[in-house]
């Protein structure tokens, strides 16, 4: 498992963090970052679901780190292709499509591939083609190409101790310009339109990420970035791209939610209590979009629109 039991501080990592004085750590590998015990935005997502979900993911001594999904592997490959192309061969393994694993020879060939691909992200040849197509689409977008053409670094690690709750925290921006003014986050999505990506912001709490990262980089480096920008690329042809800058309200509300989650985490840690949902019998009703009043309002709106 990647996560370490809280609150133990792994001595092999923590002194290195202090030695850098909170500055971006270009030497920390992605796996080391994920292993580090400090709280990330992913941890906040778990605590927001319920404290029990956080405990099960990060603190359960019998926990098993979940295998990455196909979508996660595709996203990792895209990040490597667009932001760290020189790391492609070290980080990504493309599974050969011409191996017949039903034969003895094929099984032997596959064993050789698996041995070589150990600790790499494995994607199919078809997914590799999709990644290349998405990368070309990103670089054809004037705004995206301009941002990624700025002098900057991918995957820098930033750590700080929250002043309110005394909790050690971390973030790892996809791309940060060398002057610290612009932070870029690369997202794969089914729908990059404004309406579609707003839905993704709500579903995946991207506003929390924007607020957490903006505050985190400022806390770690002393400089607050001026902008947090999403580069969004669709995962199906024609791999349309859109670029969105998070506005001030999104960042502020995201940070407020992050601090609420961090407060919940600190409380659970102090009490060593990790509840899930209500332990009472609760009344439940239809979602608002299924109620008669809302349905009638939507029908009226549609009639007026047309």
Protein backbone atom coordinates (compact mmCIF):
# COMPACT_ATOMS: atom_id res chain seq x y z
CA UNK A 1 0.00 0.00 0.00
CA UNK A 2 1.16 3.53 -0.74
CA UNK A 3 -0.36 5.32 2.22
CA UNK A 4 1.39 5.29 5.58
CA UNK A 5 -0.37 5.14 8.96
CA UNK A 6 -1.02 8.55 10.44
CA UNK A 7 0.62 10.18 12.36
CA UNK A 8 3.95 8.37 11.86
CA UNK A 9 6.41 10.43 9.84
CA UNK A 10 8.63 8.31 7.56
CA UNK A 11 12.17 9.36 8.45
CA UNK A 12 13.43 8.62 4.95
CA UNK A 13 11.15 11.29 3.49
CA UNK A 14 10.37 13.89 6.13
CA UNK A 15 13.96 15.20 6.65
CA UNK A 16 14.20 15.71 2.90
CA UNK A 17 11.04 17.80 3.01
CA UNK A 18 12.39 20.00 5.78
CA UNK A 19 15.72 20.34 4.02
CA UNK A 20 14.03 21.98 1.07
CA UNK A 21 12.38 24.55 3.33
CA UNK A 22 8.96 23.98 1.74
CA UNK A 23 10.17 24.85 -1.77
CA UNK A 24 9.12 22.79 -4.80
CA UNK A 25 10.89 19.45 -4.64
CA UNK A 26 11.89 18.48 -8.11
CA UNK A 27 13.62 15.33 -6.85
CA UNK A 28 10.59 13.69 -5.23
CA UNK A 29 9.20 10.93 -7.41
CA UNK A 30 5.48 10.51 -7.94
CA UNK A 31 5.38 7.23 -6.01
CA UNK A 32 7.17 8.84 -3.04
CA UNK A 33 4.69 11.69 -3.13
CA UNK A 34 1.72 9.33 -2.96
CA UNK A 35 3.37 7.31 -0.18
CA UNK A 36 3.95 10.39 1.93
CA UNK A 37 1.54 10.65 4.88
CA UNK A 38 0.66 14.37 4.40
CA UNK A 39 -2.93 15.20 3.42
CA UNK A 40 -3.65 15.73 -0.27
CA UNK A 41 -6.72 16.83 -2.16
CA UNK A 42 -7.52 13.14 -2.74
CA UNK A 43 -7.53 12.66 1.03
CA UNK A 44 -9.91 15.58 1.42
CA UNK A 45 -12.23 13.95 -1.11
CA UNK A 46 -12.32 10.80 1.02
CA UNK A 47 -13.01 12.66 4.27
CA UNK A 48 -15.77 14.61 2.50
CA UNK A 49 -17.42 11.32 1.55
CA UNK A 50 -17.13 10.16 5.16
CA UNK A 51 -14.41 9.83 7.78
CA UNK A 52 -14.74 6.05 7.51
CA UNK A 53 -13.84 6.21 3.82
CA UNK A 54 -10.69 8.16 4.71
CA UNK A 55 -9.76 5.66 7.42
CA UNK A 56 -10.32 2.72 5.07
CA UNK A 57 -8.16 4.26 2.34
CA UNK A 58 -5.29 5.64 4.42
CA UNK A 59 -5.29 4.23 7.96
CA UNK A 60 -6.72 0.72 7.94
CA UNK A 61 -3.76 -1.56 8.71
CA UNK A 62 -5.27 -4.17 6.36
CA UNK A 63 -5.97 -1.72 3.56
CA UNK A 64 -5.24 -2.63 -0.03
CA UNK A 65 -4.38 0.23 -2.36
CA UNK A 66 -6.88 0.20 -5.23
CA UNK A 67 -5.66 -0.64 -8.70
CA UNK A 68 -5.81 2.30 -11.13
CA UNK A 69 -8.80 2.26 -13.47
CA UNK A 70 -8.47 2.38 -17.25
CA UNK A 71 -9.43 6.06 -17.16
CA UNK A 72 -6.74 6.77 -14.56
CA UNK A 73 -4.10 4.97 -16.61
CA UNK A 74 -5.13 6.96 -19.69
CA UNK A 75 -4.86 10.20 -17.72
CA UNK A 76 -1.43 9.26 -16.40
CA UNK A 77 -0.21 8.45 -19.90
CA UNK A 78 -1.54 11.76 -21.23
CA UNK A 79 0.18 13.71 -18.46
CA UNK A 80 3.45 11.98 -19.23
CA UNK A 81 3.09 12.50 -22.99
CA UNK A 82 2.18 16.19 -22.77
CA UNK A 83 4.12 17.35 -19.70
CA UNK A 84 7.06 14.95 -19.31
CA UNK A 85 7.67 13.35 -22.67
CA UNK A 86 11.26 12.54 -21.75
CA UNK A 87 9.89 10.21 -19.05
CA UNK A 88 7.61 8.22 -21.38
CA UNK A 89 9.80 5.13 -21.68
CA UNK A 90 10.50 5.11 -17.94
CA UNK A 91 6.91 5.57 -16.85
CA UNK A 92 4.65 4.06 -19.54
CA UNK A 93 4.50 0.56 -21.01
CA UNK A 94 2.40 -0.05 -24.11
CA UNK A 95 1.06 -3.60 -24.14
CA UNK A 96 1.79 -5.40 -27.43
CA UNK A 97 -1.37 -6.29 -29.26
CA UNK A 98 0.04 -9.18 -31.28
CA UNK A 99 0.77 -11.58 -28.42
CA UNK A 100 -1.50 -14.63 -28.23
CA UNK A 101 -1.48 -15.53 -24.57
CA UNK A 102 -3.34 -18.76 -25.28
CA UNK A 103 -0.11 -20.25 -26.68
CA UNK A 104 3.03 -21.23 -24.78
CA UNK A 105 5.12 -18.83 -26.84
CA UNK A 106 2.63 -16.03 -26.28
CA UNK A 107 2.61 -16.58 -22.52
CA UNK A 108 6.39 -16.47 -22.47
CA UNK A 109 6.40 -13.24 -24.48
CA UNK A 110 3.82 -11.73 -22.15
CA UNK A 111 5.89 -12.70 -19.11
CA UNK A 112 8.86 -10.86 -20.58
CA UNK A 113 6.68 -7.80 -21.19
CA UNK A 114 5.26 -7.87 -17.64
CA UNK A 115 8.75 -8.12 -16.15
CA UNK A 116 9.88 -5.11 -18.16
CA UNK A 117 6.70 -3.18 -17.34
CA UNK A 118 6.99 -3.61 -13.58
CA UNK A 119 6.20 -0.35 -11.75
CA UNK A 120 5.15 1.30 -15.01
CA UNK A 121 1.67 2.37 -16.07
CA UNK A 122 0.46 -0.17 -18.64
CA UNK A 123 -1.84 0.97 -21.44
CA UNK A 124 -3.06 -0.72 -24.59
CA UNK A 125 -1.78 0.13 -28.05
CA UNK A 126 -5.19 1.61 -28.86
CA UNK A 127 -5.01 3.83 -25.78
CA UNK A 128 -1.53 4.94 -26.80
CA UNK A 129 -2.95 6.10 -30.13
CA UNK A 130 -5.69 8.00 -28.29
CA UNK A 131 -3.09 9.65 -26.04
CA UNK A 132 -1.08 10.79 -29.06
CA UNK A 133 -4.23 12.17 -30.71
CA UNK A 134 -5.21 14.05 -27.54
CA UNK A 135 -1.69 15.43 -27.26
CA UNK A 136 -1.80 16.73 -30.84
CA UNK A 137 -5.19 18.31 -30.18
CA UNK A 138 -3.88 20.05 -27.05
CA UNK A 139 -0.90 21.51 -28.88
CA UNK A 140 -3.13 22.74 -31.72
CA UNK A 141 -5.14 24.80 -29.22
CA UNK A 142 -3.57 28.30 -29.14
CA UNK A 143 -4.23 28.90 -25.45
CA UNK A 144 -3.06 25.49 -24.30
CA UNK A 145 0.06 25.62 -26.48
CA UNK A 146 0.90 29.09 -25.17
CA UNK A 147 0.59 27.97 -21.54
CA UNK A 148 2.67 24.84 -21.99
CA UNK A 149 5.24 26.83 -23.94
CA UNK A 150 5.98 29.00 -20.91
CA UNK A 151 9.07 28.23 -18.90
CA UNK A 152 7.99 25.95 -16.10
CA UNK A 153 8.15 22.53 -14.50
CA UNK A 154 5.85 19.55 -14.27
CA UNK A 155 4.98 17.68 -11.08
CA UNK A 156 6.71 19.80 -8.43
CA UNK A 157 5.87 18.83 -4.85
CA UNK A 158 4.83 21.41 -2.25
CA UNK A 159 4.37 20.70 1.47
CA UNK A 160 3.25 22.82 4.37
CA UNK A 161 1.78 22.57 7.86
CA UNK A 162 -1.68 24.05 8.15
CA UNK A 163 -1.65 26.90 10.67
CA UNK A 164 -5.23 26.30 11.84
CA UNK A 165 -5.21 22.56 12.54
CA UNK A 166 -1.50 21.72 12.62
CA UNK A 167 -1.96 19.09 9.91
CA UNK A 168 0.81 18.39 7.40
CA UNK A 169 -0.43 18.91 3.85
CA UNK A 170 0.77 18.49 0.29
CA UNK A 171 -0.04 19.23 -3.34
CA UNK A 172 1.61 18.45 -6.67
CA UNK A 173 0.60 20.75 -9.55
CA UNK A 174 0.67 19.34 -13.07
CA UNK A 175 2.53 22.42 -14.33
CA UNK A 176 3.82 25.54 -12.61
CA UNK A 177 5.64 28.36 -14.34
CA UNK A 178 9.11 29.12 -13.02
CA UNK A 179 8.02 32.54 -11.79
CA UNK A 180 5.20 30.87 -9.82
CA UNK A 181 2.50 32.98 -11.44
CA UNK A 182 0.49 30.37 -13.38
CA UNK A 183 -0.58 26.90 -12.33
CA UNK A 184 -1.95 24.56 -15.00
CA UNK A 185 -4.00 21.43 -14.44
CA UNK A 186 -4.53 18.96 -17.30
CA UNK A 187 -7.90 17.18 -17.26
CA UNK A 188 -9.36 14.44 -19.43
CA UNK A 189 -13.12 14.61 -19.73
CA UNK A 190 -16.05 13.29 -21.72
CA UNK A 191 -17.38 16.82 -22.27
CA UNK A 192 -15.10 19.86 -22.33
CA UNK A 193 -17.87 22.34 -23.09
CA UNK A 194 -18.55 24.99 -20.43
CA UNK A 195 -21.73 23.20 -19.36
CA UNK A 196 -20.06 19.80 -19.33
CA UNK A 197 -16.97 20.91 -17.44
CA UNK A 198 -19.04 22.78 -14.85
CA UNK A 199 -20.70 19.45 -14.15
CA UNK A 200 -17.27 17.83 -13.76
CA UNK A 201 -16.24 20.58 -11.34
CA UNK A 202 -19.15 19.64 -9.12
CA UNK A 203 -18.75 15.88 -9.51
CA UNK A 204 -14.99 15.77 -8.90
CA UNK A 205 -14.60 18.83 -6.65
CA UNK A 206 -12.18 20.57 -8.97
CA UNK A 207 -12.93 23.84 -7.17
CA UNK A 208 -11.47 22.28 -4.01
CA UNK A 209 -8.36 21.37 -5.96
CA UNK A 210 -7.99 24.92 -7.26
CA UNK A 211 -8.34 26.44 -3.78
CA UNK A 212 -6.12 23.82 -2.10
CA UNK A 213 -3.33 24.15 -4.65
CA UNK A 214 -3.37 27.95 -4.74
CA UNK A 215 -3.16 28.13 -0.96
CA UNK A 216 -0.66 25.28 -0.74
CA UNK A 217 1.85 26.76 -3.15
CA UNK A 218 1.59 30.08 -1.34
CA UNK A 219 2.08 28.41 2.05
CA UNK A 220 5.06 26.39 0.79
CA UNK A 221 6.85 29.04 -1.27
CA UNK A 222 5.62 32.38 0.03
CA UNK A 223 4.23 33.31 -3.41
CA UNK A 224 0.60 32.90 -4.42
CA UNK A 225 0.06 32.08 -8.10
CA UNK A 226 -2.01 34.59 -10.04
CA UNK A 227 -4.06 32.01 -11.93
CA UNK A 228 -5.19 28.39 -11.77
CA UNK A 229 -5.99 27.19 -15.29
CA UNK A 230 -7.60 23.96 -16.49
CA UNK A 231 -6.65 22.48 -19.85
CA UNK A 232 -9.49 20.10 -20.69
CA UNK A 233 -9.34 17.52 -23.48
CA UNK A 234 -12.11 15.12 -24.46
CA UNK A 235 -11.29 11.42 -24.50
CA UNK A 236 -13.11 10.66 -27.76
CA UNK A 237 -12.66 12.01 -31.28
CA UNK A 238 -12.33 14.77 -32.29
CA UNK A 239 -10.57 15.24 -28.89
CA UNK A 240 -11.85 18.77 -28.49
CA UNK A 241 -9.92 21.04 -26.13
CA UNK A 242 -11.02 23.93 -23.94
CA UNK A 243 -9.03 26.08 -21.51
CA UNK A 244 -10.66 27.62 -18.44
CA UNK A 245 -9.22 29.93 -15.79
CA UNK A 246 -10.79 29.41 -12.36
CA UNK A 247 -12.40 32.63 -11.16
CA UNK A 248 -11.91 34.10 -7.69
CA UNK A 249 -15.19 32.74 -6.33
CA UNK A 250 -14.36 29.18 -7.41
CA UNK A 251 -10.96 29.35 -5.73
CA UNK A 252 -12.31 30.92 -2.54
CA UNK A 253 -15.23 28.52 -2.17
CA UNK A 254 -12.96 25.61 -2.97
CA UNK A 255 -10.53 26.60 -0.24
CA UNK A 256 -13.38 27.09 2.25
CA UNK A 257 -14.57 23.54 1.51
CA UNK A 258 -11.02 22.21 1.80
CA UNK A 259 -10.64 23.78 5.25
CA UNK A 260 -13.99 22.36 6.32
CA UNK A 261 -12.81 18.89 5.27
CA UNK A 262 -9.46 19.40 7.01
CA UNK A 263 -11.27 20.43 10.20
CA UNK A 264 -13.35 17.25 10.08
CA UNK A 265 -10.19 15.24 9.62
CA UNK A 266 -8.45 16.92 12.54
CA UNK A 267 -11.47 16.28 14.78
CA UNK A 268 -11.64 12.60 13.82
CA UNK A 269 -7.91 12.23 14.35
CA UNK A 270 -8.06 13.78 17.82
CA UNK A 271 -10.99 11.57 18.86
CA UNK A 272 -9.76 8.52 16.95
CA UNK A 273 -13.32 8.18 15.73
CA UNK A 274 -14.13 7.56 12.06
CA UNK A 275 -17.90 7.52 11.50
CA UNK A 276 -19.57 7.02 8.13
CA UNK A 277 -23.15 8.14 7.51
CA UNK A 278 -25.92 8.69 10.05
CA UNK A 279 -26.42 5.89 12.57
CA UNK A 280 -30.11 6.79 12.83
CA UNK A 281 -33.05 5.80 10.65
CA UNK A 282 -33.46 8.76 8.32
CA UNK A 283 -36.34 9.82 6.08
CA UNK A 284 -35.44 10.10 2.42
CA UNK A 285 -37.34 11.79 -0.41
CA UNK A 286 -37.07 12.13 -4.16
CA UNK A 287 -34.26 14.26 -5.56
CA UNK A 288 -35.38 17.78 -6.40
CA UNK A 289 -35.26 17.21 -10.16
CA UNK A 290 -37.90 14.46 -9.80
CA UNK A 291 -40.45 16.52 -7.85
CA UNK A 292 -43.62 17.63 -9.59
CA UNK A 293 -42.92 21.33 -9.06
CA UNK A 294 -39.45 21.13 -10.52
CA UNK A 295 -40.60 18.98 -13.45
CA UNK A 296 -43.36 21.48 -14.23
CA UNK A 297 -40.91 24.36 -14.04
CA UNK A 298 -38.50 22.59 -16.40
CA UNK A 299 -41.32 21.82 -18.83
CA UNK A 300 -42.42 25.47 -18.79
CA UNK A 301 -38.87 26.64 -19.36
CA UNK A 302 -38.48 24.32 -22.33
CA UNK A 303 -41.72 25.60 -23.85
CA UNK A 304 -40.66 29.21 -23.37
CA UNK A 305 -37.25 28.50 -24.85
CA UNK A 306 -38.69 27.13 -28.03
